[in-house]
Amino acid sequence: MSNTETTNLEKVLNHFGATITDTMSKDCDFFIYEDSTVDGYSVFIATETPSNISISNHVYYYDNDLSIAFVDALTQSNHKKIYIEDTSSYWLEEAIQELNDMIDEENEEEANWRNDLINK
């Protein structure tokens, strides 16, 4: 990750009060990792409970869809400690950029709202 990407990652994680780790442990509340099928195909898992995987809800054939799962884990489900097997994945960079843009838009809207109140 570049310095800008690292700064954006820190900004996003601070905004949501979250952390990511590449060490799977029981104190994580969301997990994103690669696994394989019995016949050797790679699949990607995004779940709250690795011991109870639902094929239709937690398994992804394409890793680029993991960015959606990560964004939802932070914005919809309020997860605080997220295990990500490969923290250098391009999908994570895309998700961080999307979340960073969302935070910037929220901050801009709040600043505009405050300015409107002051100017009335």
PDB file of N, CA and C in Angstrom:
ATOM      1  N   MET A   1       0.835  -1.184   0.000  1.00  0.00           N
ATOM      2  CA  MET A   1       0.000   0.000   0.000  1.00  0.00           C
ATOM      3  C   MET A   1       0.874   1.240   0.000  1.00  0.00           C
ATOM      4  N   SER A   2       0.426   2.240  -0.735  1.00  0.00           N
ATOM      5  CA  SER A   2       1.153   3.501  -0.745  1.00  0.00           C
ATOM      6  C   SER A   2       0.848   4.269   0.541  1.00  0.00           C
ATOM      7  N   ASN A   3       1.584   5.362   0.761  1.00  0.00           N
ATOM      8  CA  ASN A   3       1.350   6.178   1.954  1.00  0.00           C
ATOM      9  C   ASN A   3      -0.065   6.739   1.984  1.00  0.00           C
ATOM     10  N   THR A   4      -0.571   7.157   0.809  1.00  0.00           N
ATOM     11  CA  THR A   4      -1.931   7.685   0.732  1.00  0.00           C
ATOM     12  C   THR A   4      -2.941   6.605   1.093  1.00  0.00           C
ATOM     13  N   GLU A   5      -2.732   5.400   0.570  1.00  0.00           N
ATOM     14  CA  GLU A   5      -3.648   4.294   0.873  1.00  0.00           C
ATOM     15  C   GLU A   5      -3.607   3.941   2.354  1.00  0.00           C
ATOM     16  N   THR A   6      -2.409   3.977   2.951  1.00  0.00           N
ATOM     17  CA  THR A   6      -2.282   3.708   4.382  1.00  0.00           C
ATOM     18  C   THR A   6      -3.012   4.780   5.180  1.00  0.00           C
ATOM     19  N   THR A   7      -2.854   6.039   4.811  1.00  0.00           N
ATOM     20  CA  THR A   7      -3.540   7.129   5.487  1.00  0.00           C
ATOM     21  C   THR A   7      -5.045   6.980   5.351  1.00  0.00           C
ATOM     22  N   ASN A   8      -5.525   6.637   4.164  1.00  0.00           N
ATOM     23  CA  ASN A   8      -6.954   6.430   3.951  1.00  0.00           C
ATOM     24  C   ASN A   8      -7.460   5.258   4.784  1.00  0.00           C
ATOM     25  N   LEU A   9      -6.681   4.188   4.872  1.00  0.00           N
ATOM     26  CA  LEU A   9      -7.057   3.038   5.685  1.00  0.00           C
ATOM     27  C   LEU A   9      -7.208   3.457   7.140  1.00  0.00           C
ATOM     28  N   GLU A  10      -6.237   4.180   7.662  1.00  0.00           N
ATOM     29  CA  GLU A  10      -6.302   4.654   9.045  1.00  0.00           C
ATOM     30  C   GLU A  10      -7.513   5.551   9.258  1.00  0.00           C
ATOM     31  N   LYS A  11      -7.771   6.435   8.315  1.00  0.00           N
ATOM     32  CA  LYS A  11      -8.914   7.350   8.409  1.00  0.00           C
ATOM     33  C   LYS A  11     -10.223   6.568   8.469  1.00  0.00           C
ATOM     34  N   VAL A  12     -10.367   5.588   7.592  1.00  0.00           N
ATOM     35  CA  VAL A  12     -11.591   4.784   7.535  1.00  0.00           C
ATOM     36  C   VAL A  12     -11.759   3.979   8.821  1.00  0.00           C
ATOM     37  N   LEU A  13     -10.695   3.299   9.236  1.00  0.00           N
ATOM     38  CA  LEU A  13     -10.800   2.476  10.441  1.00  0.00           C
ATOM     39  C   LEU A  13     -11.091   3.336  11.669  1.00  0.00           C
ATOM     40  N   ASN A  14     -10.470   4.498  11.774  1.00  0.00           N
ATOM     41  CA  ASN A  14     -10.751   5.403  12.890  1.00  0.00           C
ATOM     42  C   ASN A  14     -12.202   5.881  12.867  1.00  0.00           C
ATOM     43  N   HIS A  15     -12.687   6.192  11.675  1.00  0.00           N
ATOM     44  CA  HIS A  15     -14.074   6.670  11.534  1.00  0.00           C
ATOM     45  C   HIS A  15     -15.068   5.645  12.065  1.00  0.00           C
ATOM     46  N   PHE A  16     -14.822   4.378  11.777  1.00  0.00           N
ATOM     47  CA  PHE A  16     -15.746   3.320  12.190  1.00  0.00           C
ATOM     48  C   PHE A  16     -15.341   2.667  13.514  1.00  0.00           C
ATOM     49  N   GLY A  17     -14.226   3.100  14.087  1.00  0.00           N
ATOM     50  CA  GLY A  17     -13.764   2.499  15.332  1.00  0.00           C
ATOM     51  C   GLY A  17     -13.409   1.038  15.163  1.00  0.00           C
ATOM     52  N   ALA A  18     -12.842   0.698  14.021  1.00  0.00           N
ATOM     53  CA  ALA A  18     -12.572  -0.698  13.676  1.00  0.00           C
ATOM     54  C   ALA A  18     -11.077  -0.950  13.511  1.00  0.00           C
ATOM     55  N   THR A  19     -10.727  -2.214  13.518  1.00  0.00           N
ATOM     56  CA  THR A  19      -9.364  -2.644  13.211  1.00  0.00           C
ATOM     57  C   THR A  19      -9.441  -3.817  12.250  1.00  0.00           C
ATOM     58  N   ILE A  20      -8.361  -4.001  11.503  1.00  0.00           N
ATOM     59  CA  ILE A  20      -8.235  -5.210  10.697  1.00  0.00           C
ATOM     60  C   ILE A  20      -6.971  -5.929  11.148  1.00  0.00           C
ATOM     61  N   THR A  21      -6.989  -7.225  10.983  1.00  0.00           N
ATOM     62  CA  THR A  21      -5.850  -8.041  11.364  1.00  0.00           C
ATOM     63  C   THR A  21      -5.687  -9.166  10.350  1.00  0.00           C
ATOM     64  N   ASP A  22      -4.467  -9.644  10.203  1.00  0.00           N
ATOM     65  CA  ASP A  22      -4.225 -10.803   9.350  1.00  0.00           C
ATOM     66  C   ASP A  22      -3.995 -12.059  10.188  1.00  0.00           C
ATOM     67  N   THR A  23      -4.390 -11.991  11.445  1.00  0.00           N
ATOM     68  CA  THR A  23      -4.304 -13.130  12.353  1.00  0.00           C
ATOM     69  C   THR A  23      -5.712 -13.544  12.762  1.00  0.00           C
ATOM     70  N   MET A  24      -6.118 -14.723  12.330  1.00  0.00           N
ATOM     71  CA  MET A  24      -7.452 -15.195  12.674  1.00  0.00           C
ATOM     72  C   MET A  24      -7.498 -15.556  14.157  1.00  0.00           C
ATOM     73  N   SER A  25      -8.500 -15.039  14.844  1.00  0.00           N
ATOM     74  CA  SER A  25      -8.675 -15.354  16.261  1.00  0.00           C
ATOM     75  C   SER A  25     -10.154 -15.267  16.614  1.00  0.00           C
ATOM     76  N   LYS A  26     -10.495 -15.810  17.759  1.00  0.00           N
ATOM     77  CA  LYS A  26     -11.886 -15.842  18.197  1.00  0.00           C
ATOM     78  C   LYS A  26     -12.426 -14.456  18.538  1.00  0.00           C
ATOM     79  N   ASP A  27     -11.544 -13.497  18.802  1.00  0.00           N
ATOM     80  CA  ASP A  27     -12.042 -12.165  19.141  1.00  0.00           C
ATOM     81  C   ASP A  27     -12.358 -11.308  17.912  1.00  0.00           C
ATOM     82  N   CYS A  28     -12.127 -11.839  16.719  1.00  0.00           N
ATOM     83  CA  CYS A  28     -12.561 -11.152  15.504  1.00  0.00           C
ATOM     84  C   CYS A  28     -14.076 -11.337  15.369  1.00  0.00           C
ATOM     85  N   ASP A  29     -14.747 -10.327  14.826  1.00  0.00           N
ATOM     86  CA  ASP A  29     -16.186 -10.465  14.653  1.00  0.00           C
ATOM     87  C   ASP A  29     -16.620 -10.509  13.188  1.00  0.00           C
ATOM     88  N   PHE A  30     -15.650 -10.481  12.275  1.00  0.00           N
ATOM     89  CA  PHE A  30     -15.920 -10.701  10.857  1.00  0.00           C
ATOM     90  C   PHE A  30     -14.659 -11.258  10.231  1.00  0.00           C
ATOM     91  N   PHE A  31     -14.830 -12.145   9.252  1.00  0.00           N
ATOM     92  CA  PHE A  31     -13.709 -12.871   8.668  1.00  0.00           C
ATOM     93  C   PHE A  31     -13.820 -12.851   7.144  1.00  0.00           C
ATOM     94  N   ILE A  32     -12.705 -12.513   6.480  1.00  0.00           N
ATOM     95  CA  ILE A  32     -12.641 -12.544   5.022  1.00  0.00           C
ATOM     96  C   ILE A  32     -11.375 -13.306   4.644  1.00  0.00           C
ATOM     97  N   TYR A  33     -11.562 -14.408   3.917  1.00  0.00           N
ATOM     98  CA  TYR A  33     -10.419 -15.250   3.599  1.00  0.00           C
ATOM     99  C   TYR A  33     -10.708 -16.127   2.384  1.00  0.00           C
ATOM    100  N   GLU A  34      -9.640 -16.705   1.850  1.00  0.00           N
ATOM    101  CA  GLU A  34      -9.739 -17.613   0.712  1.00  0.00           C
ATOM    102  C   GLU A  34      -9.748 -19.047   1.231  1.00  0.00           C
ATOM    103  N   ASP A  35     -10.544 -19.870   0.580  1.00  0.00           N
ATOM    104  CA  ASP A  35     -10.587 -21.300   0.886  1.00  0.00           C
ATOM    105  C   ASP A  35     -10.664 -22.020  -0.450  1.00  0.00           C
ATOM    106  N   SER A  36     -10.736 -23.326  -0.415  1.00  0.00           N
ATOM    107  CA  SER A  36     -10.841 -24.055  -1.676  1.00  0.00           C
ATOM    108  C   SER A  36     -11.904 -25.135  -1.575  1.00  0.00           C
ATOM    109  N   THR A  37     -12.457 -25.453  -2.728  1.00  0.00           N
ATOM    110  CA  THR A  37     -13.465 -26.507  -2.811  1.00  0.00           C
ATOM    111  C   THR A  37     -12.773 -27.861  -2.793  1.00  0.00           C
ATOM    112  N   VAL A  38     -13.543 -28.910  -2.665  1.00  0.00           N
ATOM    113  CA  VAL A  38     -12.984 -30.258  -2.605  1.00  0.00           C
ATOM    114  C   VAL A  38     -12.213 -30.602  -3.887  1.00  0.00           C
ATOM    115  N   ASP A  39     -12.605 -29.991  -5.000  1.00  0.00           N
ATOM    116  CA  ASP A  39     -11.916 -30.278  -6.264  1.00  0.00           C
ATOM    117  C   ASP A  39     -10.879 -29.210  -6.625  1.00  0.00           C
ATOM    118  N   GLY A  40     -10.483 -28.389  -5.645  1.00  0.00           N
ATOM    119  CA  GLY A  40      -9.339 -27.508  -5.829  1.00  0.00           C
ATOM    120  C   GLY A  40      -9.603 -26.113  -6.353  1.00  0.00           C
ATOM    121  N   TYR A  41     -10.864 -25.697  -6.458  1.00  0.00           N
ATOM    122  CA  TYR A  41     -11.156 -24.334  -6.916  1.00  0.00           C
ATOM    123  C   TYR A  41     -11.111 -23.356  -5.749  1.00  0.00           C
ATOM    124  N   SER A  42     -10.579 -22.182  -6.000  1.00  0.00           N
ATOM    125  CA  SER A  42     -10.552 -21.147  -4.974  1.00  0.00           C
ATOM    126  C   SER A  42     -11.919 -20.499  -4.850  1.00  0.00           C
ATOM    127  N   VAL A  43     -12.326 -20.279  -3.613  1.00  0.00           N
ATOM    128  CA  VAL A  43     -13.522 -19.503  -3.306  1.00  0.00           C
ATOM    129  C   VAL A  43     -13.141 -18.549  -2.176  1.00  0.00           C
ATOM    130  N   PHE A  44     -13.960 -17.559  -1.985  1.00  0.00           N
ATOM    131  CA  PHE A  44     -13.664 -16.529  -1.007  1.00  0.00           C
ATOM    132  C   PHE A  44     -14.821 -16.445  -0.016  1.00  0.00           C
ATOM    133  N   ILE A  45     -14.478 -16.369   1.243  1.00  0.00           N
ATOM    134  CA  ILE A  45     -15.459 -16.408   2.315  1.00  0.00           C
ATOM    135  C   ILE A  45     -15.491 -15.058   3.026  1.00  0.00           C
ATOM    136  N   ALA A  46     -16.685 -14.564   3.296  1.00  0.00           N
ATOM    137  CA  ALA A  46     -16.892 -13.365   4.110  1.00  0.00           C
ATOM    138  C   ALA A  46     -18.037 -13.679   5.060  1.00  0.00           C
ATOM    139  N   THR A  47     -17.718 -13.798   6.347  1.00  0.00           N
ATOM    140  CA  THR A  47     -18.718 -14.259   7.301  1.00  0.00           C
ATOM    141  C   THR A  47     -18.436 -13.780   8.722  1.00  0.00           C
ATOM    142  N   GLU A  48     -19.468 -13.802   9.528  1.00  0.00           N
ATOM    143  CA  GLU A  48     -19.321 -13.546  10.959  1.00  0.00           C
ATOM    144  C   GLU A  48     -18.917 -14.813  11.704  1.00  0.00           C
ATOM    145  N   THR A  49     -19.264 -15.958  11.141  1.00  0.00           N
ATOM    146  CA  THR A  49     -19.044 -17.233  11.830  1.00  0.00           C
ATOM    147  C   THR A  49     -18.393 -18.255  10.897  1.00  0.00           C
ATOM    148  N   PRO A  50     -17.073 -18.358  10.917  1.00  0.00           N
ATOM    149  CA  PRO A  50     -16.394 -19.294  10.022  1.00  0.00           C
ATOM    150  C   PRO A  50     -16.772 -20.755  10.260  1.00  0.00           C
ATOM    151  N   SER A  51     -17.307 -21.053  11.411  1.00  0.00           N
ATOM    152  CA  SER A  51     -17.703 -22.438  11.700  1.00  0.00           C
ATOM    153  C   SER A  51     -19.098 -22.761  11.177  1.00  0.00           C
ATOM    154  N   ASN A  52     -19.777 -21.773  10.613  1.00  0.00           N
ATOM    155  CA  ASN A  52     -21.138 -21.984  10.119  1.00  0.00           C
ATOM    156  C   ASN A  52     -21.326 -21.248   8.797  1.00  0.00           C
ATOM    157  N   ILE A  53     -20.693 -21.748   7.749  1.00  0.00           N
ATOM    158  CA  ILE A  53     -20.710 -21.102   6.435  1.00  0.00           C
ATOM    159  C   ILE A  53     -21.975 -21.471   5.672  1.00  0.00           C
ATOM    160  N   SER A  54     -22.602 -20.468   5.103  1.00  0.00           N
ATOM    161  CA  SER A  54     -23.734 -20.669   4.203  1.00  0.00           C
ATOM    162  C   SER A  54     -23.249 -20.365   2.784  1.00  0.00           C
ATOM    163  N   ILE A  55     -23.322 -21.350   1.925  1.00  0.00           N
ATOM    164  CA  ILE A  55     -22.837 -21.189   0.545  1.00  0.00           C
ATOM    165  C   ILE A  55     -23.480 -19.972  -0.117  1.00  0.00           C
ATOM    166  N   SER A  56     -24.777 -19.818   0.027  1.00  0.00           N
ATOM    167  CA  SER A  56     -25.481 -18.749  -0.678  1.00  0.00           C
ATOM    168  C   SER A  56     -25.295 -17.376  -0.039  1.00  0.00           C
ATOM    169  N   ASN A  57     -24.813 -17.313   1.193  1.00  0.00           N
ATOM    170  CA  ASN A  57     -24.666 -16.024   1.865  1.00  0.00           C
ATOM    171  C   ASN A  57     -23.232 -15.594   2.116  1.00  0.00           C
ATOM    172  N   HIS A  58     -22.301 -16.534   2.178  1.00  0.00           N
ATOM    173  CA  HIS A  58     -20.950 -16.199   2.610  1.00  0.00           C
ATOM    174  C   HIS A  58     -19.841 -16.540   1.618  1.00  0.00           C
ATOM    175  N   VAL A  59     -20.160 -17.259   0.556  1.00  0.00           N
ATOM    176  CA  VAL A  59     -19.128 -17.735  -0.370  1.00  0.00           C
ATOM    177  C   VAL A  59     -19.201 -16.926  -1.665  1.00  0.00           C
ATOM    178  N   TYR A  60     -18.024 -16.449  -2.074  1.00  0.00           N
ATOM    179  CA  TYR A  60     -17.898 -15.646  -3.294  1.00  0.00           C
ATOM    180  C   TYR A  60     -16.976 -16.359  -4.265  1.00  0.00           C
ATOM    181  N   TYR A  61     -17.372 -16.368  -5.519  1.00  0.00           N
ATOM    182  CA  TYR A  61     -16.539 -16.966  -6.550  1.00  0.00           C
ATOM    183  C   TYR A  61     -15.448 -15.997  -6.996  1.00  0.00           C
ATOM    184  N   TYR A  62     -15.764 -14.713  -6.992  1.00  0.00           N
ATOM    185  CA  TYR A  62     -14.816 -13.678  -7.408  1.00  0.00           C
ATOM    186  C   TYR A  62     -14.392 -12.849  -6.201  1.00  0.00           C
ATOM    187  N   ASP A  63     -13.098 -12.627  -6.057  1.00  0.00           N
ATOM    188  CA  ASP A  63     -12.619 -11.882  -4.894  1.00  0.00           C
ATOM    189  C   ASP A  63     -12.965 -10.396  -4.946  1.00  0.00           C
ATOM    190  N   ASN A  64     -13.232  -9.848  -6.131  1.00  0.00           N
ATOM    191  CA  ASN A  64     -13.563  -8.426  -6.185  1.00  0.00           C
ATOM    192  C   ASN A  64     -14.880  -8.121  -5.470  1.00  0.00           C
ATOM    193  N   ASP A  65     -15.745  -9.126  -5.291  1.00  0.00           N
ATOM    194  CA  ASP A  65     -16.988  -8.926  -4.547  1.00  0.00           C
ATOM    195  C   ASP A  65     -16.748  -8.773  -3.040  1.00  0.00           C
ATOM    196  N   LEU A  66     -15.564  -9.110  -2.585  1.00  0.00           N
ATOM    197  CA  LEU A  66     -15.255  -8.988  -1.165  1.00  0.00           C
ATOM    198  C   LEU A  66     -15.246  -7.534  -0.711  1.00  0.00           C
ATOM    199  N   SER A  67     -15.005  -6.608  -1.631  1.00  0.00           N
ATOM    200  CA  SER A  67     -15.034  -5.185  -1.255  1.00  0.00           C
ATOM    201  C   SER A  67     -16.427  -4.809  -0.762  1.00  0.00           C
ATOM    202  N   ILE A  68     -17.457  -5.339  -1.385  1.00  0.00           N
ATOM    203  CA  ILE A  68     -18.833  -5.076  -0.957  1.00  0.00           C
ATOM    204  C   ILE A  68     -19.063  -5.646   0.435  1.00  0.00           C
ATOM    205  N   ALA A  69     -18.582  -6.867   0.665  1.00  0.00           N
ATOM    206  CA  ALA A  69     -18.744  -7.511   1.972  1.00  0.00           C
ATOM    207  C   ALA A  69     -18.031  -6.708   3.053  1.00  0.00           C
ATOM    208  N   PHE A  70     -16.845  -6.201   2.751  1.00  0.00           N
ATOM    209  CA  PHE A  70     -16.088  -5.409   3.720  1.00  0.00           C
ATOM    210  C   PHE A  70     -16.798  -4.093   4.025  1.00  0.00           C
ATOM    211  N   VAL A  71     -17.260  -3.403   3.003  1.00  0.00           N
ATOM    212  CA  VAL A  71     -17.985  -2.142   3.201  1.00  0.00           C
ATOM    213  C   VAL A  71     -19.228  -2.392   4.053  1.00  0.00           C
ATOM    214  N   ASP A  72     -19.974  -3.432   3.734  1.00  0.00           N
ATOM    215  CA  ASP A  72     -21.175  -3.755   4.509  1.00  0.00           C
ATOM    216  C   ASP A  72     -20.833  -4.120   5.953  1.00  0.00           C
ATOM    217  N   ALA A  73     -19.732  -4.827   6.153  1.00  0.00           N
ATOM    218  CA  ALA A  73     -19.333  -5.203   7.512  1.00  0.00           C
ATOM    219  C   ALA A  73     -19.099  -3.970   8.378  1.00  0.00           C
ATOM    220  N   LEU A  74     -18.579  -2.913   7.787  1.00  0.00           N
ATOM    221  CA  LEU A  74     -18.331  -1.685   8.540  1.00  0.00           C
ATOM    222  C   LEU A  74     -19.562  -0.792   8.632  1.00  0.00           C
ATOM    223  N   THR A  75     -20.284  -0.652   7.538  1.00  0.00           N
ATOM    224  CA  THR A  75     -21.359   0.340   7.502  1.00  0.00           C
ATOM    225  C   THR A  75     -22.707  -0.213   7.935  1.00  0.00           C
ATOM    226  N   GLN A  76     -22.966  -1.481   7.695  1.00  0.00           N
ATOM    227  CA  GLN A  76     -24.277  -2.046   7.997  1.00  0.00           C
ATOM    228  C   GLN A  76     -24.292  -2.881   9.274  1.00  0.00           C
ATOM    229  N   SER A  77     -23.192  -3.543   9.556  1.00  0.00           N
ATOM    230  CA  SER A  77     -23.182  -4.506  10.660  1.00  0.00           C
ATOM    231  C   SER A  77     -22.356  -4.058  11.854  1.00  0.00           C
ATOM    232  N   ASN A  78     -21.634  -2.958  11.716  1.00  0.00           N
ATOM    233  CA  ASN A  78     -20.890  -2.384  12.839  1.00  0.00           C
ATOM    234  C   ASN A  78     -19.845  -3.340  13.428  1.00  0.00           C
ATOM    235  N   HIS A  79     -19.165  -4.075  12.566  1.00  0.00           N
ATOM    236  CA  HIS A  79     -18.106  -4.962  13.047  1.00  0.00           C
ATOM    237  C   HIS A  79     -16.881  -4.135  13.412  1.00  0.00           C
ATOM    238  N   LYS A  80     -16.175  -4.550  14.459  1.00  0.00           N
ATOM    239  CA  LYS A  80     -15.066  -3.765  14.983  1.00  0.00           C
ATOM    240  C   LYS A  80     -13.693  -4.400  14.776  1.00  0.00           C
ATOM    241  N   LYS A  81     -13.616  -5.720  14.738  1.00  0.00           N
ATOM    242  CA  LYS A  81     -12.328  -6.376  14.503  1.00  0.00           C
ATOM    243  C   LYS A  81     -12.509  -7.378  13.372  1.00  0.00           C
ATOM    244  N   ILE A  82     -11.884  -7.065  12.250  1.00  0.00           N
ATOM    245  CA  ILE A  82     -12.100  -7.831  11.025  1.00  0.00           C
ATOM    246  C   ILE A  82     -10.816  -8.550  10.624  1.00  0.00           C
ATOM    247  N   TYR A  83     -10.929  -9.843  10.470  1.00  0.00           N
ATOM    248  CA  TYR A  83      -9.811 -10.650   9.972  1.00  0.00           C
ATOM    249  C   TYR A  83      -9.842 -10.620   8.454  1.00  0.00           C
ATOM    250  N   ILE A  84      -8.713 -10.232   7.862  1.00  0.00           N
ATOM    251  CA  ILE A  84      -8.550 -10.269   6.409  1.00  0.00           C
ATOM    252  C   ILE A  84      -7.263 -11.025   6.131  1.00  0.00           C
ATOM    253  N   GLU A  85      -7.408 -12.140   5.463  1.00  0.00           N
ATOM    254  CA  GLU A  85      -6.262 -13.013   5.217  1.00  0.00           C
ATOM    255  C   GLU A  85      -5.161 -12.301   4.433  1.00  0.00           C
ATOM    256  N   ASP A  86      -5.541 -11.555   3.403  1.00  0.00           N
ATOM    257  CA  ASP A  86      -4.557 -10.870   2.562  1.00  0.00           C
ATOM    258  C   ASP A  86      -4.853  -9.371   2.563  1.00  0.00           C
ATOM    259  N   THR A  87      -4.186  -8.646   3.433  1.00  0.00           N
ATOM    260  CA  THR A  87      -4.452  -7.213   3.568  1.00  0.00           C
ATOM    261  C   THR A  87      -3.877  -6.373   2.438  1.00  0.00           C
ATOM    262  N   SER A  88      -3.192  -7.003   1.492  1.00  0.00           N
ATOM    263  CA  SER A  88      -2.673  -6.260   0.338  1.00  0.00           C
ATOM    264  C   SER A  88      -3.532  -6.469  -0.905  1.00  0.00           C
ATOM    265  N   SER A  89      -4.688  -7.053  -0.746  1.00  0.00           N
ATOM    266  CA  SER A  89      -5.585  -7.325  -1.877  1.00  0.00           C
ATOM    267  C   SER A  89      -6.098  -6.035  -2.500  1.00  0.00           C
ATOM    268  N   TYR A  90      -6.221  -6.044  -3.814  1.00  0.00           N
ATOM    269  CA  TYR A  90      -6.717  -4.865  -4.517  1.00  0.00           C
ATOM    270  C   TYR A  90      -8.154  -4.549  -4.116  1.00  0.00           C
ATOM    271  N   TRP A  91      -8.963  -5.559  -3.804  1.00  0.00           N
ATOM    272  CA  TRP A  91     -10.352  -5.304  -3.438  1.00  0.00           C
ATOM    273  C   TRP A  91     -10.428  -4.488  -2.142  1.00  0.00           C
ATOM    274  N   LEU A  92      -9.462  -4.680  -1.237  1.00  0.00           N
ATOM    275  CA  LEU A  92      -9.443  -3.914   0.002  1.00  0.00           C
ATOM    276  C   LEU A  92      -9.121  -2.454  -0.300  1.00  0.00           C
ATOM    277  N   GLU A  93      -8.183  -2.222  -1.197  1.00  0.00           N
ATOM    278  CA  GLU A  93      -7.850  -0.851  -1.598  1.00  0.00           C
ATOM    279  C   GLU A  93      -9.071  -0.159  -2.196  1.00  0.00           C
ATOM    280  N   GLU A  94      -9.825  -0.894  -3.039  1.00  0.00           N
ATOM    281  CA  GLU A  94     -11.041  -0.331  -3.638  1.00  0.00           C
ATOM    282  C   GLU A  94     -12.078  -0.004  -2.568  1.00  0.00           C
ATOM    283  N   ALA A  95     -12.247  -0.903  -1.609  1.00  0.00           N
ATOM    284  CA  ALA A  95     -13.216  -0.682  -0.543  1.00  0.00           C
ATOM    285  C   ALA A  95     -12.820   0.522   0.309  1.00  0.00           C
ATOM    286  N   ILE A  96     -11.545   0.632   0.636  1.00  0.00           N
ATOM    287  CA  ILE A  96     -11.063   1.759   1.438  1.00  0.00           C
ATOM    288  C   ILE A  96     -11.292   3.065   0.696  1.00  0.00           C
ATOM    289  N   GLN A  97     -11.045   3.087  -0.597  1.00  0.00           N
ATOM    290  CA  GLN A  97     -11.275   4.300  -1.376  1.00  0.00           C
ATOM    291  C   GLN A  97     -12.755   4.669  -1.386  1.00  0.00           C
ATOM    292  N   GLU A  98     -13.620   3.670  -1.552  1.00  0.00           N
ATOM    293  CA  GLU A  98     -15.072   3.923  -1.533  1.00  0.00           C
ATOM    294  C   GLU A  98     -15.513   4.487  -0.176  1.00  0.00           C
ATOM    295  N   LEU A  99     -15.032   3.877   0.893  1.00  0.00           N
ATOM    296  CA  LEU A  99     -15.390   4.338   2.235  1.00  0.00           C
ATOM    297  C   LEU A  99     -14.815   5.728   2.518  1.00  0.00           C
ATOM    298  N   ASN A 100     -13.598   5.976   2.069  1.00  0.00           N
ATOM    299  CA  ASN A 100     -12.982   7.283   2.237  1.00  0.00           C
ATOM    300  C   ASN A 100     -13.802   8.358   1.522  1.00  0.00           C
ATOM    301  N   ASP A 101     -14.230   8.069   0.308  1.00  0.00           N
ATOM    302  CA  ASP A 101     -15.066   9.012  -0.439  1.00  0.00           C
ATOM    303  C   ASP A 101     -16.383   9.266   0.285  1.00  0.00           C
ATOM    304  N   MET A 102     -16.972   8.203   0.847  1.00  0.00           N
ATOM    305  CA  MET A 102     -18.222   8.326   1.584  1.00  0.00           C
ATOM    306  C   MET A 102     -18.035   9.231   2.808  1.00  0.00           C
ATOM    307  N   ILE A 103     -16.944   9.035   3.535  1.00  0.00           N
ATOM    308  CA  ILE A 103     -16.650   9.852   4.714  1.00  0.00           C
ATOM    309  C   ILE A 103     -16.453  11.311   4.312  1.00  0.00           C
ATOM    310  N   ASP A 104     -15.713  11.547   3.222  1.00  0.00           N
ATOM    311  CA  ASP A 104     -15.495  12.917   2.745  1.00  0.00           C
ATOM    312  C   ASP A 104     -16.816  13.588   2.378  1.00  0.00           C
ATOM    313  N   GLU A 105     -17.714  12.843   1.729  1.00  0.00           N
ATOM    314  CA  GLU A 105     -19.021  13.398   1.366  1.00  0.00           C
ATOM    315  C   GLU A 105     -19.837  13.743   2.614  1.00  0.00           C
ATOM    316  N   GLU A 106     -19.813  12.843   3.607  1.00  0.00           N
ATOM    317  CA  GLU A 106     -20.525  13.114   4.863  1.00  0.00           C
ATOM    318  C   GLU A 106     -19.969  14.364   5.535  1.00  0.00           C
ATOM    319  N   ASN A 107     -18.649  14.479   5.568  1.00  0.00           N
ATOM    320  CA  ASN A 107     -18.019  15.643   6.195  1.00  0.00           C
ATOM    321  C   ASN A 107     -18.365  16.929   5.449  1.00  0.00           C
ATOM    322  N   GLU A 108     -18.401  16.862   4.126  1.00  0.00           N
ATOM    323  CA  GLU A 108     -18.734  18.030   3.326  1.00  0.00           C
ATOM    324  C   GLU A 108     -20.189  18.446   3.557  1.00  0.00           C
ATOM    325  N   GLU A 109     -21.084  17.460   3.602  1.00  0.00           N
ATOM    326  CA  GLU A 109     -22.494  17.759   3.851  1.00  0.00           C
ATOM    327  C   GLU A 109     -22.678  18.391   5.232  1.00  0.00           C
ATOM    328  N   GLU A 110     -21.973  17.866   6.221  1.00  0.00           N
ATOM    329  CA  GLU A 110     -22.066  18.420   7.571  1.00  0.00           C
ATOM    330  C   GLU A 110     -21.517  19.839   7.610  1.00  0.00           C
ATOM    331  N   ALA A 111     -20.406  20.089   6.922  1.00  0.00           N
ATOM    332  CA  ALA A 111     -19.830  21.436   6.878  1.00  0.00           C
ATOM    333  C   ALA A 111     -20.783  22.406   6.190  1.00  0.00           C
ATOM    334  N   ASN A 112     -21.408  21.980   5.110  1.00  0.00           N
ATOM    335  CA  ASN A 112     -22.375  22.832   4.409  1.00  0.00           C
ATOM    336  C   ASN A 112     -23.577  23.133   5.297  1.00  0.00           C
ATOM    337  N   TRP A 113     -24.052  22.131   6.019  1.00  0.00           N
ATOM    338  CA  TRP A 113     -25.187  22.301   6.927  1.00  0.00           C
ATOM    339  C   TRP A 113     -24.840  23.316   8.012  1.00  0.00           C
ATOM    340  N   ARG A 114     -23.646  23.188   8.587  1.00  0.00           N
ATOM    341  CA  ARG A 114     -23.219  24.131   9.631  1.00  0.00           C
ATOM    342  C   ARG A 114     -23.084  25.544   9.075  1.00  0.00           C
ATOM    343  N   ASN A 115     -22.521  25.655   7.877  1.00  0.00           N
ATOM    344  CA  ASN A 115     -22.383  26.979   7.260  1.00  0.00           C
ATOM    345  C   ASN A 115     -23.747  27.599   7.000  1.00  0.00           C
ATOM    346  N   ASP A 116     -24.702  26.784   6.567  1.00  0.00           N
ATOM    347  CA  ASP A 116     -26.058  27.301   6.340  1.00  0.00           C
ATOM    348  C   ASP A 116     -26.672  27.804   7.636  1.00  0.00           C
ATOM    349  N   LEU A 117     -26.431  27.087   8.746  1.00  0.00           N
ATOM    350  CA  LEU A 117     -26.964  27.530  10.045  1.00  0.00           C
ATOM    351  C   LEU A 117     -26.330  28.840  10.484  1.00  0.00           C
ATOM    352  N   ILE A 118     -25.046  28.965  10.287  1.00  0.00           N
ATOM    353  CA  ILE A 118     -24.319  30.165  10.694  1.00  0.00           C
ATOM    354  C   ILE A 118     -24.760  31.368   9.867  1.00  0.00           C
ATOM    355  N   ASN A 119     -24.992  31.155   8.591  1.00  0.00           N
ATOM    356  CA  ASN A 119     -25.320  32.247   7.670  1.00  0.00           C
ATOM    357  C   ASN A 119     -26.781  32.655   7.714  1.00  0.00           C
ATOM    358  N   LYS A 120     -27.593  31.998   8.504  1.00  0.00           N
ATOM    359  CA  LYS A 120     -29.027  32.368   8.574  1.00  0.00           C
ATOM    360  C   LYS A 120     -29.256  33.462   9.565  1.00  0.00           C
TER     361      LYS A 120
END
